[in-house]
Amino acid sequence: MFIWLPRPNPHCGPGTSPRSIAGRSQRSPPLGRRSRGVMRDASTMSRQRRLPARRAGRPRFAAQSADKSRSWKEPREEILDAAASLFVDRGVAATSTRDIADAVGIRQSSIYYHFPSGKDEILADLLQRSIRPTLDKIEKLETLGAETGVGPDVLLYLLVVLDVRTLAHAPHNAGVLAGLPEVQRKEVFGPFGAARQDLAEAYARLGAQVRNNRQGATSHAPGGDLLGDLLLQFVEVVIGMRSNGHRLNQSIESIIAASCLQACLADQTRIDEVAASAGDLLEFLEA
């Protein structure tokens, strides 16, 4: 009789069955290996938790303008600078707040943070910058005359030079904006027009005093409002000069100031004396 016996398994030791050998392949990996894998996953999760959250909204982007001079200015000044350039080049109506924002490199909503009324408020600020610095010095100028006895011809000369400098420093020749019909129709032009009238009256007061000190010449010089407007027009020639690319310097300031005194019939000898004495007083007024 044939009896079948199972072939012995060389991997089985005494008391070890083939089933237990097969089970070894299904065991879990050693604890140490499994725990390192868990620790690695936890470390990754920890790093992810430490990453800063992304800010919502569109980030500020770098301005595309080639003008690098605005990089150090305050945001409000950057906006005014960009708006002045665009208003003068394109016109106010053709310039949007998005155009201004793109030129500065900020979001459009940031324009309204600094100028809640938008474009008209920017325009109003630019108009005032072409006249307000001069107006703010008139009281100081007239006080100087009352306290020191400086003659009206000297005061007029100083006022002209100060006004020339105001227009020369207006960003991107913003003084030209006041002559645009689209600007003159806007409500924001009203305060500028009133300020310009105050300046014309100051010119008229000083010009009339210079004219009256010239004996026998009163009948040959314009008077009242006409004289004030005439002197103001002499100064505002600076706007056209800048538009034509001319650079303004002290020589131009002196020529314009001398022309204003001549319009008030001052003689050349006195004009030369006034010009020579104006330097130190200008430093005082601009301090």
Protein backbone atom coordinates (compact mmCIF):
# COMPACT_ATOMS: atom_id res chain seq x y z
CA MET A 1 0.00 0.00 0.00
CA PHE A 2 1.31 3.47 -0.97
CA ILE A 3 1.23 6.18 1.71
CA TRP A 4 1.77 9.80 0.66
CA LEU A 5 3.73 11.94 3.01
CA PRO A 6 4.11 15.74 2.57
CA ARG A 7 7.50 16.89 1.45
CA PRO A 8 9.29 18.57 4.29
CA ASN A 9 9.68 22.35 3.96
CA PRO A 10 13.31 23.34 4.41
CA HIS A 11 12.24 26.72 5.87
CA CYS A 12 10.15 25.18 8.60
CA GLY A 13 11.85 24.37 11.79
CA PRO A 14 10.55 22.03 14.38
CA GLY A 15 7.02 23.00 15.45
CA THR A 16 6.62 25.46 12.58
CA SER A 17 3.87 25.03 10.01
CA PRO A 18 3.87 26.28 6.43
CA ARG A 19 0.85 28.48 7.29
CA SER A 20 2.88 30.41 9.84
CA ILE A 21 5.65 30.94 7.28
CA ALA A 22 3.17 32.35 4.78
CA GLY A 23 1.73 34.65 7.44
CA ARG A 24 5.07 36.31 7.90
CA SER A 25 4.71 38.07 4.55
CA GLN A 26 1.47 39.71 5.76
CA ARG A 27 2.91 41.14 8.95
CA SER A 28 2.94 44.87 9.49
CA PRO A 29 6.31 46.56 9.09
CA PRO A 30 8.37 47.08 12.19
CA LEU A 31 7.09 49.75 14.51
CA GLY A 32 10.11 51.96 14.05
CA ARG A 33 9.66 52.25 10.29
CA ARG A 34 5.95 52.93 10.56
CA SER A 35 6.44 55.63 13.21
CA ARG A 36 9.07 57.43 11.10
CA GLY A 37 6.59 57.62 8.25
CA VAL A 38 3.97 59.12 10.57
CA MET A 39 6.48 61.61 11.94
CA ARG A 40 7.45 62.66 8.43
CA ASP A 41 3.81 63.33 7.54
CA ALA A 42 3.24 65.28 10.74
CA SER A 43 6.34 67.38 10.07
CA THR A 44 5.06 68.24 6.62
CA MET A 45 1.69 69.21 8.02
CA SER A 46 3.39 71.36 10.65
CA ARG A 47 5.39 73.21 8.00
CA GLN A 48 2.25 73.80 5.98
CA ARG A 49 0.52 75.26 9.02
CA ARG A 50 3.43 77.68 9.48
CA LEU A 51 3.19 79.09 5.92
CA PRO A 52 1.73 82.62 5.85
CA ALA A 53 -1.75 82.93 4.47
CA ARG A 54 -2.09 84.53 1.04
CA ARG A 55 -3.53 88.02 1.11
CA ALA A 56 -6.81 88.50 -0.61
CA GLY A 57 -7.13 90.90 -3.50
CA ARG A 58 -4.86 91.99 -6.28
CA PRO A 59 -1.35 92.92 -5.08
CA ARG A 60 0.31 96.20 -5.86
CA PHE A 61 2.30 95.94 -9.05
CA ALA A 62 5.31 97.86 -10.25
CA ALA A 63 4.55 100.96 -12.26
CA GLN A 64 5.40 100.77 -15.92
CA SER A 65 6.25 104.44 -16.14
CA ALA A 66 9.81 105.29 -17.03
CA ASP A 67 9.75 108.17 -14.56
CA LYS A 68 11.72 106.89 -11.57
CA SER A 69 11.45 110.16 -9.64
CA ARG A 70 8.09 109.17 -8.12
CA SER A 71 9.42 106.09 -6.35
CA TRP A 72 10.33 107.97 -3.15
CA LYS A 73 7.16 110.09 -2.92
CA GLU A 74 4.18 109.54 -0.68
CA PRO A 75 1.25 107.75 -2.41
CA ARG A 76 -0.84 110.93 -2.53
CA GLU A 77 2.01 112.82 -4.17
CA GLU A 78 2.56 109.99 -6.66
CA ILE A 79 -1.11 110.15 -7.63
CA LEU A 80 -1.00 113.92 -8.13
CA ASP A 81 2.19 113.69 -10.14
CA ALA A 82 0.81 111.01 -12.46
CA ALA A 83 -2.54 112.79 -12.81
CA ALA A 84 -0.88 116.10 -13.70
CA SER A 85 1.11 114.42 -16.46
CA LEU A 86 -1.93 112.65 -17.88
CA PHE A 87 -4.25 115.68 -17.60
CA VAL A 88 -1.77 117.93 -19.40
CA ASP A 89 -0.97 115.38 -22.12
CA ARG A 90 -4.45 113.93 -22.75
CA GLY A 91 -6.93 116.28 -21.15
CA VAL A 92 -9.04 115.71 -18.07
CA ALA A 93 -12.02 114.08 -19.76
CA ALA A 94 -9.82 111.61 -21.63
CA THR A 95 -8.10 110.46 -18.42
CA SER A 96 -9.76 107.93 -16.11
CA THR A 97 -8.92 107.04 -12.54
CA ARG A 98 -7.83 103.64 -13.85
CA ASP A 99 -5.31 105.40 -16.11
CA ILE A 100 -3.94 107.26 -13.11
CA ALA A 101 -3.79 104.10 -11.00
CA ASP A 102 -1.96 102.20 -13.76
CA ALA A 103 0.55 105.03 -14.13
CA VAL A 104 1.29 104.98 -10.40
CA GLY A 105 1.18 101.20 -10.03
CA ILE A 106 -1.68 100.86 -7.55
CA ARG A 107 -5.21 99.53 -7.54
CA GLN A 108 -7.92 101.84 -8.80
CA SER A 109 -9.65 101.70 -5.41
CA SER A 110 -6.55 103.22 -3.81
CA ILE A 111 -7.19 106.44 -5.73
CA TYR A 112 -10.46 106.89 -3.83
CA TYR A 113 -8.77 106.18 -0.51
CA HIS A 114 -6.64 109.31 -0.97
CA PHE A 115 -9.17 111.31 -3.03
CA PRO A 116 -12.72 110.23 -2.07
CA SER A 117 -14.29 112.45 -4.76
CA GLY A 118 -12.04 110.97 -7.42
CA LYS A 119 -10.77 112.83 -10.45
CA ASP A 120 -12.36 116.20 -9.69
CA GLU A 121 -10.72 116.32 -6.28
CA ILE A 122 -7.35 115.59 -7.87
CA LEU A 123 -7.94 118.36 -10.41
CA ALA A 124 -8.89 120.83 -7.67
CA ASP A 125 -5.67 120.06 -5.79
CA LEU A 126 -3.55 120.56 -8.91
CA LEU A 127 -5.22 123.89 -9.69
CA GLN A 128 -4.53 125.16 -6.18
CA ARG A 129 -0.89 124.14 -6.43
CA SER A 130 -0.44 126.54 -9.31
CA ILE A 131 -1.55 129.54 -7.22
CA ARG A 132 -1.84 128.80 -3.50
CA PRO A 133 1.92 128.96 -2.64
CA THR A 134 1.98 132.56 -3.91
CA LEU A 135 -1.23 133.58 -2.16
CA ASP A 136 0.00 132.19 1.14
CA LYS A 137 2.95 134.62 1.04
CA ILE A 138 1.05 137.83 0.24
CA GLU A 139 0.21 138.63 3.86
CA LYS A 140 3.82 138.00 4.87
CA LEU A 141 4.95 140.18 1.98
CA GLU A 142 2.73 143.11 2.91
CA THR A 143 3.66 142.77 6.60
CA LEU A 144 7.30 143.00 5.52
CA GLY A 145 6.55 146.29 3.78
CA ALA A 146 4.69 147.72 6.77
CA GLU A 147 7.37 146.78 9.31
CA THR A 148 10.52 147.60 7.34
CA GLY A 149 9.42 150.41 5.07
CA VAL A 150 10.32 148.49 1.94
CA GLY A 151 8.86 150.30 -1.06
CA PRO A 152 5.96 148.96 -3.14
CA ASP A 153 8.23 148.50 -6.15
CA VAL A 154 10.36 146.07 -4.13
CA LEU A 155 7.27 144.26 -2.89
CA LEU A 156 5.87 143.96 -6.41
CA TYR A 157 9.19 142.66 -7.69
CA LEU A 158 9.22 140.04 -4.92
CA LEU A 159 5.61 139.01 -5.58
CA VAL A 160 6.34 138.48 -9.27
CA VAL A 161 9.39 136.33 -8.58
CA LEU A 162 7.49 134.24 -6.04
CA ASP A 163 4.64 133.73 -8.49
CA VAL A 164 7.00 132.78 -11.31
CA ARG A 165 8.53 130.15 -9.05
CA THR A 166 5.11 128.81 -8.11
CA LEU A 167 4.24 128.26 -11.76
CA ALA A 168 7.69 126.92 -12.54
CA HIS A 169 7.38 124.27 -9.82
CA ALA A 170 3.80 123.20 -10.57
CA PRO A 171 3.98 119.48 -11.43
CA HIS A 172 4.11 118.83 -15.17
CA ASN A 173 3.19 122.46 -15.90
CA ALA A 174 -0.20 122.01 -14.24
CA GLY A 175 -0.80 125.75 -14.59
CA VAL A 176 -1.93 125.03 -18.15
CA LEU A 177 -5.01 123.22 -16.83
CA ALA A 178 -6.71 126.47 -15.78
CA GLY A 179 -6.81 127.56 -19.42
CA LEU A 180 -8.65 124.46 -20.66
CA PRO A 181 -12.36 125.06 -21.44
CA GLU A 182 -13.28 121.64 -20.05
CA VAL A 183 -11.71 122.62 -16.73
CA GLN A 184 -13.28 126.08 -16.64
CA ARG A 185 -16.73 124.49 -16.91
CA LYS A 186 -16.18 122.31 -13.85
CA GLU A 187 -17.42 123.20 -10.39
CA VAL A 188 -13.93 122.80 -8.92
CA PHE A 189 -12.75 125.73 -11.04
CA GLY A 190 -14.75 128.12 -8.84
CA PRO A 191 -12.36 128.18 -5.86
CA PHE A 192 -9.40 128.52 -8.20
CA GLY A 193 -11.05 131.42 -10.01
CA ALA A 194 -11.66 133.17 -6.70
CA ALA A 195 -8.05 132.63 -5.64
CA ARG A 196 -6.79 133.99 -8.95
CA GLN A 197 -8.93 137.10 -8.46
CA ASP A 198 -7.39 137.62 -5.01
CA LEU A 199 -3.94 137.41 -6.58
CA ALA A 200 -4.88 139.88 -9.33
CA GLU A 201 -6.10 142.32 -6.67
CA ALA A 202 -2.77 142.06 -4.83
CA TYR A 203 -0.96 142.85 -8.07
CA ALA A 204 -3.30 145.80 -8.65
CA ARG A 205 -2.68 147.25 -5.15
CA LEU A 206 1.09 147.11 -5.43
CA GLY A 207 1.14 148.17 -9.06
CA ALA A 208 -1.02 151.21 -8.33
CA GLN A 209 1.34 152.29 -5.54
CA VAL A 210 4.35 151.99 -7.86
CA ARG A 211 2.52 153.97 -10.55
CA ASN A 212 1.40 156.68 -8.14
CA ASN A 213 4.96 157.20 -6.93
CA ARG A 214 5.94 158.08 -10.46
CA GLN A 215 5.19 161.81 -10.70
CA GLY A 216 3.40 162.97 -13.81
CA ALA A 217 2.98 159.47 -15.18
CA THR A 218 -0.34 158.49 -13.65
CA SER A 219 -2.37 159.14 -16.77
CA HIS A 220 -0.16 156.88 -18.90
CA ALA A 221 -0.52 153.70 -16.86
CA PRO A 222 -3.52 151.40 -16.64
CA GLY A 223 -5.31 151.41 -13.34
CA GLY A 224 -7.51 149.30 -11.12
CA ASP A 225 -8.46 145.79 -12.21
CA LEU A 226 -6.89 146.25 -15.64
CA LEU A 227 -3.48 146.79 -14.11
CA GLY A 228 -3.81 143.72 -11.89
CA ASP A 229 -4.86 141.53 -14.82
CA LEU A 230 -2.03 142.90 -16.95
CA LEU A 231 0.60 142.10 -14.36
CA LEU A 232 -0.86 138.64 -13.83
CA GLN A 233 -0.70 138.00 -17.57
CA PHE A 234 2.96 139.00 -17.59
CA VAL A 235 3.68 136.32 -14.97
CA GLU A 236 1.56 133.62 -16.57
CA VAL A 237 3.74 133.73 -19.68
CA VAL A 238 5.75 131.17 -17.70
CA ILE A 239 3.09 128.55 -18.51
CA GLY A 240 3.58 129.00 -22.24
CA MET A 241 7.36 128.98 -21.88
CA ARG A 242 7.25 125.65 -20.08
CA SER A 243 4.91 124.24 -22.72
CA ASN A 244 7.47 125.21 -25.35
CA GLY A 245 10.25 123.46 -23.48
CA HIS A 246 12.06 126.51 -22.14
CA ARG A 247 13.94 126.13 -18.87
CA LEU A 248 13.30 128.80 -16.29
CA ASN A 249 16.10 130.35 -14.27
CA GLN A 250 16.84 133.47 -12.23
CA SER A 251 17.49 135.48 -15.38
CA ILE A 252 13.96 134.78 -16.64
CA GLU A 253 12.54 135.66 -13.21
CA SER A 254 14.35 139.00 -13.29
CA ILE A 255 13.19 139.82 -16.82
CA ILE A 256 9.53 139.14 -15.99
CA ALA A 257 9.72 141.09 -12.72
CA ALA A 258 11.40 144.03 -14.46
CA SER A 259 8.70 143.97 -17.16
CA CYS A 260 6.01 144.26 -14.50
CA LEU A 261 7.72 147.29 -12.97
CA GLN A 262 8.07 148.88 -16.39
CA ALA A 263 4.33 148.39 -16.92
CA CYS A 264 3.87 150.47 -13.76
CA LEU A 265 6.19 153.13 -15.27
CA ALA A 266 9.15 152.55 -12.97
CA ASP A 267 12.40 153.84 -14.46
CA GLN A 268 15.29 151.53 -15.29
CA THR A 269 17.62 152.93 -12.66
CA ARG A 270 15.12 152.16 -9.92
CA ILE A 271 14.43 148.72 -11.38
CA ASP A 272 18.13 147.88 -11.18
CA GLU A 273 18.23 149.01 -7.54
CA VAL A 274 15.18 146.92 -6.69
CA ALA A 275 16.64 143.81 -8.34
CA ALA A 276 19.88 144.21 -6.39
CA SER A 277 18.06 144.39 -3.05
CA ALA A 278 15.61 141.55 -3.63
CA GLY A 279 17.88 138.57 -3.01
CA ASP A 280 18.01 138.60 0.80
CA LEU A 281 14.31 139.40 1.08
CA LEU A 282 13.41 136.44 -1.12
CA GLU A 283 15.29 134.12 1.20
CA PHE A 284 13.33 135.52 4.14
CA LEU A 285 9.99 135.10 2.40
CA GLU A 286 10.72 131.52 1.33
CA ALA A 287 12.08 130.44 4.71
